[in-house]
Amino acid sequence: MATMNVSVPDPMKDWVQGQIETGKYSNASDYVRNLIRRDQEKIEVLRKTLLEGVRSGVSRRKVEDIMNDVKKRCVDDE
């Protein structure tokens, strides 16, 4: 396994230490690895979503109708 040294401001160091103290992470490396995994997963979801959009073809709907549907979904999710 490779080693990296990362400098962070004191408040960030304190945050990481607090996360470790919750017991969810064994050390700072464990916490950072988890952040990287989550970031990789988000990028993969975004990539798949974009690919799905490209494969779906051109919509016949008006942009205004699409935007209204998106706004409605955002309100429904609250």
PDB file of N, CA and C in Angstrom:
ATOM      1  N   MET A   1       0.849  -1.166   0.000  1.00  0.00           N
ATOM      2  CA  MET A   1       0.000   0.000   0.000  1.00  0.00           C
ATOM      3  C   MET A   1       0.898   1.234   0.000  1.00  0.00           C
ATOM      4  N   ALA A   2       0.540   2.224  -0.815  1.00  0.00           N
ATOM      5  CA  ALA A   2       1.311   3.461  -0.908  1.00  0.00           C
ATOM      6  C   ALA A   2       1.015   4.377   0.269  1.00  0.00           C
ATOM      7  N   THR A   3       1.943   5.264   0.537  1.00  0.00           N
ATOM      8  CA  THR A   3       1.781   6.238   1.609  1.00  0.00           C
ATOM      9  C   THR A   3       1.724   7.633   1.016  1.00  0.00           C
ATOM     10  N   MET A   4       0.806   8.475   1.547  1.00  0.00           N
ATOM     11  CA  MET A   4       0.688   9.867   1.136  1.00  0.00           C
ATOM     12  C   MET A   4       0.703  10.737   2.381  1.00  0.00           C
ATOM     13  N   ASN A   5       1.343  11.871   2.295  1.00  0.00           N
ATOM     14  CA  ASN A   5       1.300  12.849   3.378  1.00  0.00           C
ATOM     15  C   ASN A   5       0.424  14.003   2.911  1.00  0.00           C
ATOM     16  N   VAL A   6      -0.563  14.354   3.697  1.00  0.00           N
ATOM     17  CA  VAL A   6      -1.499  15.414   3.344  1.00  0.00           C
ATOM     18  C   VAL A   6      -1.517  16.441   4.466  1.00  0.00           C
ATOM     19  N   SER A   7      -1.367  17.712   4.094  1.00  0.00           N
ATOM     20  CA  SER A   7      -1.439  18.786   5.078  1.00  0.00           C
ATOM     21  C   SER A   7      -2.840  19.377   5.069  1.00  0.00           C
ATOM     22  N   VAL A   8      -3.399  19.572   6.253  1.00  0.00           N
ATOM     23  CA  VAL A   8      -4.727  20.168   6.387  1.00  0.00           C
ATOM     24  C   VAL A   8      -4.681  21.201   7.503  1.00  0.00           C
ATOM     25  N   PRO A   9      -5.567  22.193   7.444  1.00  0.00           N
ATOM     26  CA  PRO A   9      -5.642  23.166   8.548  1.00  0.00           C
ATOM     27  C   PRO A   9      -6.099  22.475   9.830  1.00  0.00           C
ATOM     28  N   ASP A  10      -5.780  23.083  10.960  1.00  0.00           N
ATOM     29  CA  ASP A  10      -6.133  22.503  12.262  1.00  0.00           C
ATOM     30  C   ASP A  10      -7.615  22.155  12.392  1.00  0.00           C
ATOM     31  N   PRO A  11      -8.540  23.014  11.939  1.00  0.00           N
ATOM     32  CA  PRO A  11      -9.956  22.642  12.076  1.00  0.00           C
ATOM     33  C   PRO A  11     -10.309  21.355  11.321  1.00  0.00           C
ATOM     34  N   MET A  12      -9.685  21.132  10.173  1.00  0.00           N
ATOM     35  CA  MET A  12      -9.936  19.889   9.434  1.00  0.00           C
ATOM     36  C   MET A  12      -9.350  18.696  10.168  1.00  0.00           C
ATOM     37  N   LYS A  13      -8.165  18.877  10.728  1.00  0.00           N
ATOM     38  CA  LYS A  13      -7.544  17.803  11.514  1.00  0.00           C
ATOM     39  C   LYS A  13      -8.450  17.450  12.696  1.00  0.00           C
ATOM     40  N   ASP A  14      -8.972  18.481  13.350  1.00  0.00           N
ATOM     41  CA  ASP A  14      -9.878  18.248  14.477  1.00  0.00           C
ATOM     42  C   ASP A  14     -11.133  17.510  14.024  1.00  0.00           C
ATOM     43  N   TRP A  15     -11.633  17.852  12.850  1.00  0.00           N
ATOM     44  CA  TRP A  15     -12.827  17.187  12.304  1.00  0.00           C
ATOM     45  C   TRP A  15     -12.546  15.695  12.094  1.00  0.00           C
ATOM     46  N   VAL A  16     -11.413  15.413  11.460  1.00  0.00           N
ATOM     47  CA  VAL A  16     -11.048  14.012  11.202  1.00  0.00           C
ATOM     48  C   VAL A  16     -10.903  13.272  12.522  1.00  0.00           C
ATOM     49  N   GLN A  17     -10.251  13.894  13.495  1.00  0.00           N
ATOM     50  CA  GLN A  17     -10.094  13.259  14.802  1.00  0.00           C
ATOM     51  C   GLN A  17     -11.452  12.970  15.435  1.00  0.00           C
ATOM     52  N   GLY A  18     -12.383  13.900  15.266  1.00  0.00           N
ATOM     53  CA  GLY A  18     -13.735  13.691  15.789  1.00  0.00           C
ATOM     54  C   GLY A  18     -14.422  12.516  15.117  1.00  0.00           C
ATOM     55  N   GLN A  19     -14.188  12.358  13.823  1.00  0.00           N
ATOM     56  CA  GLN A  19     -14.777  11.236  13.103  1.00  0.00           C
ATOM     57  C   GLN A  19     -14.198   9.904  13.596  1.00  0.00           C
ATOM     58  N   ILE A  20     -12.917   9.929  13.882  1.00  0.00           N
ATOM     59  CA  ILE A  20     -12.266   8.718  14.407  1.00  0.00           C
ATOM     60  C   ILE A  20     -12.833   8.382  15.787  1.00  0.00           C
ATOM     61  N   GLU A  21     -13.059   9.403  16.598  1.00  0.00           N
ATOM     62  CA  GLU A  21     -13.563   9.189  17.964  1.00  0.00           C
ATOM     63  C   GLU A  21     -14.986   8.638  17.989  1.00  0.00           C
ATOM     64  N   THR A  22     -15.717   8.753  16.878  1.00  0.00           N
ATOM     65  CA  THR A  22     -17.059   8.159  16.836  1.00  0.00           C
ATOM     66  C   THR A  22     -16.977   6.639  16.808  1.00  0.00           C
ATOM     67  N   GLY A  23     -15.797   6.115  16.463  1.00  0.00           N
ATOM     68  CA  GLY A  23     -15.617   4.674  16.379  1.00  0.00           C
ATOM     69  C   GLY A  23     -15.876   4.105  15.000  1.00  0.00           C
ATOM     70  N   LYS A  24     -16.327   4.939  14.088  1.00  0.00           N
ATOM     71  CA  LYS A  24     -16.610   4.456  12.729  1.00  0.00           C
ATOM     72  C   LYS A  24     -15.322   4.227  11.936  1.00  0.00           C
ATOM     73  N   TYR A  25     -14.277   4.958  12.281  1.00  0.00           N
ATOM     74  CA  TYR A  25     -12.999   4.850  11.579  1.00  0.00           C
ATOM     75  C   TYR A  25     -11.913   4.543  12.591  1.00  0.00           C
ATOM     76  N   SER A  26     -10.948   3.727  12.173  1.00  0.00           N
ATOM     77  CA  SER A  26      -9.889   3.353  13.103  1.00  0.00           C
ATOM     78  C   SER A  26      -8.766   4.386  13.152  1.00  0.00           C
ATOM     79  N   ASN A  27      -8.604   5.146  12.069  1.00  0.00           N
ATOM     80  CA  ASN A  27      -7.561   6.169  12.027  1.00  0.00           C
ATOM     81  C   ASN A  27      -7.834   7.125  10.858  1.00  0.00           C
ATOM     82  N   ALA A  28      -6.971   8.137  10.709  1.00  0.00           N
ATOM     83  CA  ALA A  28      -7.171   9.137   9.654  1.00  0.00           C
ATOM     84  C   ALA A  28      -7.120   8.501   8.268  1.00  0.00           C
ATOM     85  N   SER A  29      -6.252   7.535   8.076  1.00  0.00           N
ATOM     86  CA  SER A  29      -6.151   6.874   6.770  1.00  0.00           C
ATOM     87  C   SER A  29      -7.447   6.165   6.416  1.00  0.00           C
ATOM     88  N   ASP A  30      -8.049   5.523   7.393  1.00  0.00           N
ATOM     89  CA  ASP A  30      -9.323   4.830   7.176  1.00  0.00           C
ATOM     90  C   ASP A  30     -10.400   5.827   6.745  1.00  0.00           C
ATOM     91  N   TYR A  31     -10.433   6.986   7.398  1.00  0.00           N
ATOM     92  CA  TYR A  31     -11.407   8.026   7.069  1.00  0.00           C
ATOM     93  C   TYR A  31     -11.177   8.546   5.651  1.00  0.00           C
ATOM     94  N   VAL A  32      -9.939   8.853   5.303  1.00  0.00           N
ATOM     95  CA  VAL A  32      -9.631   9.384   3.970  1.00  0.00           C
ATOM     96  C   VAL A  32      -9.926   8.341   2.901  1.00  0.00           C
ATOM     97  N   ARG A  33      -9.592   7.091   3.141  1.00  0.00           N
ATOM     98  CA  ARG A  33      -9.904   6.031   2.167  1.00  0.00           C
ATOM     99  C   ARG A  33     -11.404   5.962   1.924  1.00  0.00           C
ATOM    100  N   ASN A  34     -12.190   6.102   2.992  1.00  0.00           N
ATOM    101  CA  ASN A  34     -13.643   6.076   2.853  1.00  0.00           C
ATOM    102  C   ASN A  34     -14.129   7.255   2.009  1.00  0.00           C
ATOM    103  N   LEU A  35     -13.576   8.439   2.237  1.00  0.00           N
ATOM    104  CA  LEU A  35     -13.949   9.605   1.427  1.00  0.00           C
ATOM    105  C   LEU A  35     -13.628   9.383  -0.046  1.00  0.00           C
ATOM    106  N   ILE A  36     -12.476   8.809  -0.318  1.00  0.00           N
ATOM    107  CA  ILE A  36     -12.078   8.553  -1.703  1.00  0.00           C
ATOM    108  C   ILE A  36     -13.011   7.534  -2.343  1.00  0.00           C
ATOM    109  N   ARG A  37     -13.343   6.467  -1.617  1.00  0.00           N
ATOM    110  CA  ARG A  37     -14.274   5.461  -2.156  1.00  0.00           C
ATOM    111  C   ARG A  37     -15.621   6.088  -2.476  1.00  0.00           C
ATOM    112  N   ARG A  38     -16.133   6.923  -1.565  1.00  0.00           N
ATOM    113  CA  ARG A  38     -17.420   7.581  -1.797  1.00  0.00           C
ATOM    114  C   ARG A  38     -17.354   8.487  -3.011  1.00  0.00           C
ATOM    115  N   ASP A  39     -16.253   9.204  -3.168  1.00  0.00           N
ATOM    116  CA  ASP A  39     -16.076  10.083  -4.318  1.00  0.00           C
ATOM    117  C   ASP A  39     -16.051   9.265  -5.614  1.00  0.00           C
ATOM    118  N   GLN A  40     -15.341   8.151  -5.591  1.00  0.00           N
ATOM    119  CA  GLN A  40     -15.285   7.280  -6.771  1.00  0.00           C
ATOM    120  C   GLN A  40     -16.668   6.741  -7.122  1.00  0.00           C
ATOM    121  N   GLU A  41     -17.439   6.363  -6.107  1.00  0.00           N
ATOM    122  CA  GLU A  41     -18.792   5.856  -6.344  1.00  0.00           C
ATOM    123  C   GLU A  41     -19.686   6.933  -6.953  1.00  0.00           C
ATOM    124  N   LYS A  42     -19.579   8.162  -6.456  1.00  0.00           N
ATOM    125  CA  LYS A  42     -20.385   9.269  -6.998  1.00  0.00           C
ATOM    126  C   LYS A  42     -20.045   9.520  -8.461  1.00  0.00           C
ATOM    127  N   ILE A  43     -18.758   9.483  -8.782  1.00  0.00           N
ATOM    128  CA  ILE A  43     -18.338   9.694 -10.165  1.00  0.00           C
ATOM    129  C   ILE A  43     -18.868   8.584 -11.055  1.00  0.00           C
ATOM    130  N   GLU A  44     -18.853   7.361 -10.573  1.00  0.00           N
ATOM    131  CA  GLU A  44     -19.365   6.234 -11.357  1.00  0.00           C
ATOM    132  C   GLU A  44     -20.863   6.369 -11.587  1.00  0.00           C
ATOM    133  N   VAL A  45     -21.604   6.785 -10.564  1.00  0.00           N
ATOM    134  CA  VAL A  45     -23.050   7.001 -10.722  1.00  0.00           C
ATOM    135  C   VAL A  45     -23.294   8.098 -11.743  1.00  0.00           C
ATOM    136  N   LEU A  46     -22.538   9.180 -11.658  1.00  0.00           N
ATOM    137  CA  LEU A  46     -22.684  10.272 -12.617  1.00  0.00           C
ATOM    138  C   LEU A  46     -22.374   9.805 -14.033  1.00  0.00           C
ATOM    139  N   ARG A  47     -21.302   9.040 -14.191  1.00  0.00           N
ATOM    140  CA  ARG A  47     -20.923   8.530 -15.508  1.00  0.00           C
ATOM    141  C   ARG A  47     -22.036   7.666 -16.096  1.00  0.00           C
ATOM    142  N   LYS A  48     -22.583   6.761 -15.269  1.00  0.00           N
ATOM    143  CA  LYS A  48     -23.653   5.881 -15.742  1.00  0.00           C
ATOM    144  C   LYS A  48     -24.906   6.670 -16.086  1.00  0.00           C
ATOM    145  N   THR A  49     -25.215   7.687 -15.283  1.00  0.00           N
ATOM    146  CA  THR A  49     -26.394   8.507 -15.533  1.00  0.00           C
ATOM    147  C   THR A  49     -26.244   9.287 -16.834  1.00  0.00           C
ATOM    148  N   LEU A  50     -25.066   9.850 -17.049  1.00  0.00           N
ATOM    149  CA  LEU A  50     -24.830  10.586 -18.288  1.00  0.00           C
ATOM    150  C   LEU A  50     -24.903   9.660 -19.503  1.00  0.00           C
ATOM    151  N   LEU A  51     -24.329   8.487 -19.387  1.00  0.00           N
ATOM    152  CA  LEU A  51     -24.377   7.521 -20.476  1.00  0.00           C
ATOM    153  C   LEU A  51     -25.812   7.100 -20.769  1.00  0.00           C
ATOM    154  N   GLU A  52     -26.593   6.891 -19.729  1.00  0.00           N
ATOM    155  CA  GLU A  52     -28.007   6.551 -19.892  1.00  0.00           C
ATOM    156  C   GLU A  52     -28.734   7.675 -20.634  1.00  0.00           C
ATOM    157  N   GLY A  53     -28.412   8.917 -20.284  1.00  0.00           N
ATOM    158  CA  GLY A  53     -29.026  10.054 -20.951  1.00  0.00           C
ATOM    159  C   GLY A  53     -28.669  10.118 -22.424  1.00  0.00           C
ATOM    160  N   VAL A  54     -27.418   9.884 -22.736  1.00  0.00           N
ATOM    161  CA  VAL A  54     -26.981   9.894 -24.135  1.00  0.00           C
ATOM    162  C   VAL A  54     -27.669   8.782 -24.919  1.00  0.00           C
ATOM    163  N   ARG A  55     -27.764   7.615 -24.325  1.00  0.00           N
ATOM    164  CA  ARG A  55     -28.379   6.469 -25.007  1.00  0.00           C
ATOM    165  C   ARG A  55     -29.892   6.613 -25.166  1.00  0.00           C
ATOM    166  N   SER A  56     -30.510   7.476 -24.362  1.00  0.00           N
ATOM    167  CA  SER A  56     -31.956   7.610 -24.432  1.00  0.00           C
ATOM    168  C   SER A  56     -32.400   8.387 -25.668  1.00  0.00           C
ATOM    169  N   GLY A  57     -31.484   9.062 -26.314  1.00  0.00           N
ATOM    170  CA  GLY A  57     -31.820   9.777 -27.538  1.00  0.00           C
ATOM    171  C   GLY A  57     -32.310  11.189 -27.256  1.00  0.00           C
ATOM    172  N   VAL A  58     -32.745  11.825 -28.319  1.00  0.00           N
ATOM    173  CA  VAL A  58     -33.201  13.211 -28.237  1.00  0.00           C
ATOM    174  C   VAL A  58     -34.662  13.233 -27.812  1.00  0.00           C
ATOM    175  N   SER A  59     -34.952  14.087 -26.845  1.00  0.00           N
ATOM    176  CA  SER A  59     -36.317  14.195 -26.348  1.00  0.00           C
ATOM    177  C   SER A  59     -37.148  15.064 -27.276  1.00  0.00           C
ATOM    178  N   ARG A  60     -38.413  14.752 -27.365  1.00  0.00           N
ATOM    179  CA  ARG A  60     -39.338  15.579 -28.144  1.00  0.00           C
ATOM    180  C   ARG A  60     -40.011  16.616 -27.257  1.00  0.00           C
ATOM    181  N   ARG A  61     -39.728  16.555 -25.963  1.00  0.00           N
ATOM    182  CA  ARG A  61     -40.324  17.485 -25.021  1.00  0.00           C
ATOM    183  C   ARG A  61     -39.616  18.836 -25.096  1.00  0.00           C
ATOM    184  N   LYS A  62     -40.333  19.888 -24.717  1.00  0.00           N
ATOM    185  CA  LYS A  62     -39.754  21.216 -24.654  1.00  0.00           C
ATOM    186  C   LYS A  62     -38.897  21.318 -23.393  1.00  0.00           C
ATOM    187  N   VAL A  63     -37.848  22.122 -23.476  1.00  0.00           N
ATOM    188  CA  VAL A  63     -36.969  22.326 -22.330  1.00  0.00           C
ATOM    189  C   VAL A  63     -37.773  22.831 -21.133  1.00  0.00           C
ATOM    190  N   GLU A  64     -38.712  23.721 -21.380  1.00  0.00           N
ATOM    191  CA  GLU A  64     -39.545  24.266 -20.305  1.00  0.00           C
ATOM    192  C   GLU A  64     -40.312  23.159 -19.578  1.00  0.00           C
ATOM    193  N   ASP A  65     -40.855  22.196 -20.332  1.00  0.00           N
ATOM    194  CA  ASP A  65     -41.587  21.084 -19.714  1.00  0.00           C
ATOM    195  C   ASP A  65     -40.662  20.208 -18.873  1.00  0.00           C
ATOM    196  N   ILE A  66     -39.478  19.978 -19.382  1.00  0.00           N
ATOM    197  CA  ILE A  66     -38.498  19.168 -18.642  1.00  0.00           C
ATOM    198  C   ILE A  66     -38.118  19.879 -17.347  1.00  0.00           C
ATOM    199  N   MET A  67     -37.846  21.183 -17.418  1.00  0.00           N
ATOM    200  CA  MET A  67     -37.474  21.946 -16.235  1.00  0.00           C
ATOM    201  C   MET A  67     -38.600  21.960 -15.205  1.00  0.00           C
ATOM    202  N   ASN A  68     -39.830  22.084 -15.663  1.00  0.00           N
ATOM    203  CA  ASN A  68     -40.970  22.063 -14.741  1.00  0.00           C
ATOM    204  C   ASN A  68     -41.083  20.722 -14.039  1.00  0.00           C
ATOM    205  N   ASP A  69     -40.840  19.633 -14.765  1.00  0.00           N
ATOM    206  CA  ASP A  69     -40.868  18.304 -14.150  1.00  0.00           C
ATOM    207  C   ASP A  69     -39.769  18.169 -13.089  1.00  0.00           C
ATOM    208  N   VAL A  70     -38.579  18.682 -13.399  1.00  0.00           N
ATOM    209  CA  VAL A  70     -37.461  18.611 -12.455  1.00  0.00           C
ATOM    210  C   VAL A  70     -37.805  19.407 -11.197  1.00  0.00           C
ATOM    211  N   LYS A  71     -38.334  20.616 -11.379  1.00  0.00           N
ATOM    212  CA  LYS A  71     -38.709  21.445 -10.225  1.00  0.00           C
ATOM    213  C   LYS A  71     -39.764  20.743  -9.384  1.00  0.00           C
ATOM    214  N   LYS A  72     -40.724  20.122 -10.032  1.00  0.00           N
ATOM    215  CA  LYS A  72     -41.785  19.417  -9.310  1.00  0.00           C
ATOM    216  C   LYS A  72     -41.192  18.266  -8.490  1.00  0.00           C
ATOM    217  N   ARG A  73     -40.261  17.521  -9.093  1.00  0.00           N
ATOM    218  CA  ARG A  73     -39.611  16.422  -8.374  1.00  0.00           C
ATOM    219  C   ARG A  73     -38.839  16.923  -7.159  1.00  0.00           C
ATOM    220  N   CYS A  74     -38.179  18.059  -7.325  1.00  0.00           N
ATOM    221  CA  CYS A  74     -37.406  18.620  -6.199  1.00  0.00           C
ATOM    222  C   CYS A  74     -38.336  19.002  -5.055  1.00  0.00           C
ATOM    223  N   VAL A  75     -39.485  19.553  -5.366  1.00  0.00           N
ATOM    224  CA  VAL A  75     -40.448  19.932  -4.333  1.00  0.00           C
ATOM    225  C   VAL A  75     -41.018  18.674  -3.682  1.00  0.00           C
ATOM    226  N   ASP A  76     -41.309  17.663  -4.484  1.00  0.00           N
ATOM    227  CA  ASP A  76     -41.868  16.405  -3.962  1.00  0.00           C
ATOM    228  C   ASP A  76     -40.885  15.692  -3.028  1.00  0.00           C
ATOM    229  N   ASP A  77     -39.574  15.861  -3.288  1.00  0.00           N
ATOM    230  CA  ASP A  77     -38.560  15.189  -2.482  1.00  0.00           C
ATOM    231  C   ASP A  77     -38.368  15.847  -1.126  1.00  0.00           C
ATOM    232  N   GLU A  78     -38.876  17.058  -0.949  1.00  0.00           N
ATOM    233  CA  GLU A  78     -38.691  17.761   0.331  1.00  0.00           C
ATOM    234  C   GLU A  78     -39.631  17.229   1.312  1.00  0.00           C
TER     235      GLU A  78
END
